[in-house]
Amino acid sequence: MRRWLFLAFCSGLWSGCTDDSGIGLQAGLAARLGPTVEHLPIQFVFNTHGHSFQLDEPAAFDTDWYDSLDGRYSRQREQFDWLIDEAESRGGRMSMQLNGEYARHARLAGDAAHVNDADAAGHAMGAHFHTDYFTGAHEFWDELVGDEQTPAGLAEVWSTHLEEIELLLGHEPTRIDAAVPLQTHNDWRSYEYELARADACAVGAGETFAGVLEYNHNPFTPYRRAAFSEHIEDFDGLTLAIPSYPQVGIDAPRGAHRLFTTVPQLQRQFLMILANRHYEQSIDAPVRVWTMGVMTHLDSNGGAQDDVRSWLDFLTDIYRDTTDDDGSRSVEWTTDEELIATFEAWEADHPDESAFDFDVHAHEAGDAQPYPYALEPLARALVGADYAEELDLGPGVVAWRLEHRELWVDGYDRFGNPNLVLDPTTGDLILAWSTFGDRSADVRATFGGPLHVLDAATGGITSGWASAIPVGTAPVLIADDAALLE
């Protein structure tokens, strides 16, 4: 039976004891006895979107036009190879979402081997497309705009891309991330029709959880997204939302993404997931699927290679140096196809357990929604912060220095998306926790004098001296100015 997986990006939910006494009891027992529930490593996924070549229809399809077509294919082809090489050099595998125009060009040019070889080596091959379609003549792909985006027109978009990708691969793509317009309920019904027609599980792209300034991060785990919603959960939903940060290296958020993705920002986002996973494991909270995805694009990766390398080097160091108490890894590189299988296995074992549910619109309208993870104070305090460096604070303590930055909104675009601004750094922060039991950390290399210490789980702030800051299994955030911890 044909089964395509359609993808998107989002997710996560704190589902342990939620009353204060319950969490306190769990934390106390875990601190004395050590965790007994082994959480999965954070599942890292590196997505790459392929895009059409976006050539305008010329007055004549002459040699110059076909040379331009070949040139755009060649540039994307170079980035395809570069990304595969970078992943394999670190023991990882890419999650490639091919575009139909790229697939057709590779096949007709006798250049299918680079895709087929990567597929055989375990890199996941999916599909990504917007509203362009093959016209059937002169290798020209046109775009549906405005009133042309009818259900019949969009069905043609789906079929032209998927058929070309399947012809190249010799099998169906593992996932489909269709960037088609979903502005009305009729659009969503058309989308669901395409899913049903393909006998597919949707893996749809929900907008980021970062819309609320007090958190500014993606969800931390996959979840089943309700139709025509951003972050509302539906256990029976067709769409499996998988979180992924947009193009690596963006220092000015675009549109609905609402996130900075410079390397220091991505590093801070990862540490937040790592801290939440560590804490929930330390208090024997129920297992869930933690994940972080990041993205690049074949047509823009050439200008992002330095940032991509820097980000992957950071993750490689984390993989090598950061382990759980039993020595097992706290992060692993996986593909979107494997992550889907992991989530579905978790889902089968936890049929009544929420993965993530947060009504963004209700929250922003004043109906406050509960934060879906254990460490809300940490999320609030680290909004906008940049990663700086890893610190050595002695045996049993993991720690990093971050730089506080103020995040604010400078108006809105014509679609209602906030224009986010990050101010320059205003002070140092240290994020730390003990891998087991209570420790004392000397942070005089960064700070001097009296300091302020935020308990990332309770939100309580205490005072301490730089020569001996108490550090337990609950993450703490340390600053010389209490205002930086709010």
Foldseek 3Di string as FASTA:
>chain_A
DFEAEAAAAFFFFFDFDDDPVRLVVLLVVLQVPNFPDDADFAEEAEEAEEEQLPDDDDPDLDPVVVVSNVVLLVLLVVLLVVVQVLQVVLPFAHAYAYWLLSLQVCVVVVNLVVVQVSVVVPHAYHHEYEQWAQPPPSSDIDGQDDPSLDLVSSVRRVVSGQVSSCVSHVGGGRYHEYRYDDPDPVSLVSVVVSCVVSVYQHRYHAAAPCQDLLFRGGHFAKAADDGPARFAGDLPHSYIHHHEQEAAPAQWDDDRNRHRRYLQRVVVRVVVLLQQVLLCSSSNGDYDHTYYYYYHYSSPCVVVVVRVSVNVVVVSCQQVPPDAPVRHGNYDYDHPSVSVVVRVVVCVVCVPTGGGRDHSVCCVVPNNDDDRTQQSLVSSLCRLKTWDAWDDFDPQKTKTKIFFWDKDFDDADPVRRTGIDTHPTDFMKMKMAGSHHKAWGQQVVRDADKKWKAQRRPRDIDIDGNGTDIHYSGIIMIGRDVVSSD
